[in-house]
Amino acid sequence: MASIGPDQVEREARALLKEAIERSGWYPILSGAEREKRVEQDVDRYWPVMASEAAQRLLDRFEGCSHVAFHTAGLAQDIGSGAGLGSSGSGMNS
């Protein structure tokens, strides 16, 4: 089972929220620096709103990596044992 820590969830939630706010065009009349300051304040206040989505995204990412690692390790084990290789060693049984 995946182990995702609260700090990881918070970082991911903050990133998701910041991206959403920046894409939405909030605070269009503010200067760049002032807009950035307001966006950061909103992220500080409201990142918990994105915590559930962030946790799910992290779990999905972890499970995807685990699947790839498991598949690659299994393939390496098969190759190392010679499983699936024909008499020529080419992997083709002819």
C-alpha atoms as a PDB file:
ATOM      1  CA  MET A   1       0.000   0.000   0.000  1.00  0.00           C
ATOM      2  CA  ALA A   2       1.174   3.515  -0.776  1.00  0.00           C
ATOM      3  CA  SER A   3       2.300   5.748   2.045  1.00  0.00           C
ATOM      4  CA  ILE A   4       1.646   9.403   1.312  1.00  0.00           C
ATOM      5  CA  GLY A   5       2.573  11.924   3.994  1.00  0.00           C
ATOM      6  CA  PRO A   6       0.635  15.058   4.923  1.00  0.00           C
ATOM      7  CA  ASP A   7       3.483  17.297   3.735  1.00  0.00           C
ATOM      8  CA  GLN A   8       3.322  15.685   0.297  1.00  0.00           C
ATOM      9  CA  VAL A   9      -0.445  16.194   0.150  1.00  0.00           C
ATOM     10  CA  GLU A  10      -0.100  19.839   1.188  1.00  0.00           C
ATOM     11  CA  ARG A  11       2.585  20.536  -1.437  1.00  0.00           C
ATOM     12  CA  GLU A  12       0.512  18.892  -4.153  1.00  0.00           C
ATOM     13  CA  ALA A  13      -2.687  20.685  -3.051  1.00  0.00           C
ATOM     14  CA  ARG A  14      -0.915  24.036  -3.051  1.00  0.00           C
ATOM     15  CA  ALA A  15       0.476  23.409  -6.531  1.00  0.00           C
ATOM     16  CA  LEU A  16      -2.924  22.335  -7.872  1.00  0.00           C
ATOM     17  CA  LEU A  17      -4.667  25.367  -6.399  1.00  0.00           C
ATOM     18  CA  LYS A  18      -2.022  27.820  -7.604  1.00  0.00           C
ATOM     19  CA  GLU A  19      -2.216  26.382 -11.107  1.00  0.00           C
ATOM     20  CA  ALA A  20      -6.021  26.635 -11.102  1.00  0.00           C
ATOM     21  CA  ILE A  21      -5.974  30.241  -9.870  1.00  0.00           C
ATOM     22  CA  GLU A  22      -3.332  31.299 -12.392  1.00  0.00           C
ATOM     23  CA  ARG A  23      -5.243  29.646 -15.250  1.00  0.00           C
ATOM     24  CA  SER A  24      -8.481  31.312 -14.184  1.00  0.00           C
ATOM     25  CA  GLY A  25      -7.113  34.832 -14.517  1.00  0.00           C
ATOM     26  CA  TRP A  26      -8.175  36.009 -11.064  1.00  0.00           C
ATOM     27  CA  TYR A  27      -7.176  39.559 -10.159  1.00  0.00           C
ATOM     28  CA  PRO A  28      -6.691  40.765 -13.750  1.00  0.00           C
ATOM     29  CA  ILE A  29      -6.363  44.457 -12.796  1.00  0.00           C
ATOM     30  CA  LEU A  30      -3.504  43.943 -10.340  1.00  0.00           C
ATOM     31  CA  SER A  31       0.147  44.331 -11.281  1.00  0.00           C
ATOM     32  CA  GLY A  32       2.235  41.168 -11.596  1.00  0.00           C
ATOM     33  CA  ALA A  33       3.810  41.418  -8.136  1.00  0.00           C
ATOM     34  CA  GLU A  34       0.552  42.353  -6.405  1.00  0.00           C
ATOM     35  CA  ARG A  35      -1.334  39.605  -8.241  1.00  0.00           C
ATOM     36  CA  GLU A  36       1.302  37.041  -7.235  1.00  0.00           C
ATOM     37  CA  LYS A  37       1.015  38.168  -3.612  1.00  0.00           C
ATOM     38  CA  ARG A  38      -2.782  37.762  -3.672  1.00  0.00           C
ATOM     39  CA  VAL A  39      -2.540  34.360  -5.337  1.00  0.00           C
ATOM     40  CA  GLU A  40      -0.097  33.193  -2.645  1.00  0.00           C
ATOM     41  CA  GLN A  41      -2.447  34.472   0.069  1.00  0.00           C
ATOM     42  CA  ASP A  42      -5.326  32.536  -1.499  1.00  0.00           C
ATOM     43  CA  VAL A  43      -3.186  29.406  -1.738  1.00  0.00           C
ATOM     44  CA  ASP A  44      -2.217  29.763   1.942  1.00  0.00           C
ATOM     45  CA  ARG A  45      -5.878  30.093   2.938  1.00  0.00           C
ATOM     46  CA  TYR A  46      -7.604  27.611   0.666  1.00  0.00           C
ATOM     47  CA  TRP A  47      -5.157  24.788  -0.159  1.00  0.00           C
ATOM     48  CA  PRO A  48      -7.113  22.348   2.089  1.00  0.00           C
ATOM     49  CA  VAL A  49      -9.953  22.542  -0.455  1.00  0.00           C
ATOM     50  CA  MET A  50      -7.669  20.684  -2.883  1.00  0.00           C
ATOM     51  CA  ALA A  51      -6.305  18.148  -0.363  1.00  0.00           C
ATOM     52  CA  SER A  52      -8.567  15.278  -1.409  1.00  0.00           C
ATOM     53  CA  GLU A  53      -7.769  15.717  -5.105  1.00  0.00           C
ATOM     54  CA  ALA A  54      -4.075  16.091  -4.298  1.00  0.00           C
ATOM     55  CA  ALA A  55      -4.019  12.879  -2.247  1.00  0.00           C
ATOM     56  CA  GLN A  56      -5.764  10.971  -5.032  1.00  0.00           C
ATOM     57  CA  ARG A  57      -3.348  12.329  -7.624  1.00  0.00           C
ATOM     58  CA  LEU A  58      -0.367  11.297  -5.484  1.00  0.00           C
ATOM     59  CA  LEU A  59      -1.790   7.797  -4.981  1.00  0.00           C
ATOM     60  CA  ASP A  60      -2.452   7.434  -8.708  1.00  0.00           C
ATOM     61  CA  ARG A  61       1.086   8.584  -9.483  1.00  0.00           C
ATOM     62  CA  PHE A  62       2.560   6.215  -6.870  1.00  0.00           C
ATOM     63  CA  GLU A  63       0.521   3.256  -8.117  1.00  0.00           C
ATOM     64  CA  GLY A  64       1.543   4.001 -11.705  1.00  0.00           C
ATOM     65  CA  CYS A  65       5.212   4.073 -10.720  1.00  0.00           C
ATOM     66  CA  SER A  66       4.830   0.894  -8.669  1.00  0.00           C
ATOM     67  CA  HIS A  67       3.220  -0.893 -11.613  1.00  0.00           C
ATOM     68  CA  VAL A  68       6.043   0.148 -13.945  1.00  0.00           C
ATOM     69  CA  ALA A  69       8.702  -0.825 -11.383  1.00  0.00           C
ATOM     70  CA  PHE A  70       7.030  -4.188 -10.756  1.00  0.00           C
ATOM     71  CA  HIS A  71       6.690  -4.883 -14.486  1.00  0.00           C
ATOM     72  CA  THR A  72      10.306  -3.887 -15.159  1.00  0.00           C
ATOM     73  CA  ALA A  73      11.605  -5.968 -12.248  1.00  0.00           C
ATOM     74  CA  GLY A  74       9.570  -8.955 -13.418  1.00  0.00           C
ATOM     75  CA  LEU A  75      10.862  -8.567 -16.964  1.00  0.00           C
ATOM     76  CA  ALA A  76      14.443  -8.331 -15.713  1.00  0.00           C
ATOM     77  CA  GLN A  77      13.928 -11.470 -13.634  1.00  0.00           C
ATOM     78  CA  ASP A  78      12.531 -13.331 -16.669  1.00  0.00           C
ATOM     79  CA  ILE A  79      15.463 -12.248 -18.811  1.00  0.00           C
ATOM     80  CA  GLY A  80      17.988 -13.129 -16.118  1.00  0.00           C
ATOM     81  CA  SER A  81      16.545 -16.623 -15.782  1.00  0.00           C
ATOM     82  CA  GLY A  82      16.368 -17.165 -19.522  1.00  0.00           C
ATOM     83  CA  ALA A  83      12.588 -17.615 -19.319  1.00  0.00           C
ATOM     84  CA  GLY A  84      10.886 -16.999 -22.610  1.00  0.00           C
ATOM     85  CA  LEU A  85      14.079 -17.305 -24.624  1.00  0.00           C
ATOM     86  CA  GLY A  86      14.285 -19.813 -27.408  1.00  0.00           C
ATOM     87  CA  SER A  87      17.256 -22.065 -28.006  1.00  0.00           C
ATOM     88  CA  SER A  88      18.938 -19.250 -29.938  1.00  0.00           C
ATOM     89  CA  GLY A  89      18.600 -16.927 -26.928  1.00  0.00           C
ATOM     90  CA  SER A  90      16.759 -14.419 -29.090  1.00  0.00           C
ATOM     91  CA  GLY A  91      13.412 -14.691 -27.365  1.00  0.00           C
ATOM     92  CA  MET A  92      11.856 -16.295 -30.415  1.00  0.00           C
ATOM     93  CA  ASN A  93      10.891 -19.918 -30.278  1.00  0.00           C
ATOM     94  CA  SER A  94      11.286 -21.187 -33.831  1.00  0.00           C
END
